Amino acid sequence: MEYRTADGHVIDDATLGREAEAFERGERPDGWRAPESRPVSVTLPAWVIAEADAEAARVNVSRRAVLNMWLAEKAEQSGQHRRSLAMA
């Protein structure tokens, strides 16, 4: 299966798995390393956990890696949206 990133790039399952594992180690897929990371505790609905588990099994990564990627993608999309509003 292929995925399209927020900026329009297409990635496959193997690439997604490598990027998720890199993110779990605290790295961005492009090699940039986050200056700081902090553990957080969140309570999520059971259906979100089930979806994350299914995705993790499908691409052979941990649930944590999937949740980290999902949160990072959403944060980047939100940041792009705010930047585009500021430019208008």
Foldseek 3Di string as FASTA:
>chain_A
DWDAAPVGDIDDLQLLLVQLVCVVVQAGSVGHHDPDDDDDDDDDDPVVLVVLVVSCVVSVHDSVSSVSVVVVSVVVVVVVVVVVVVVD
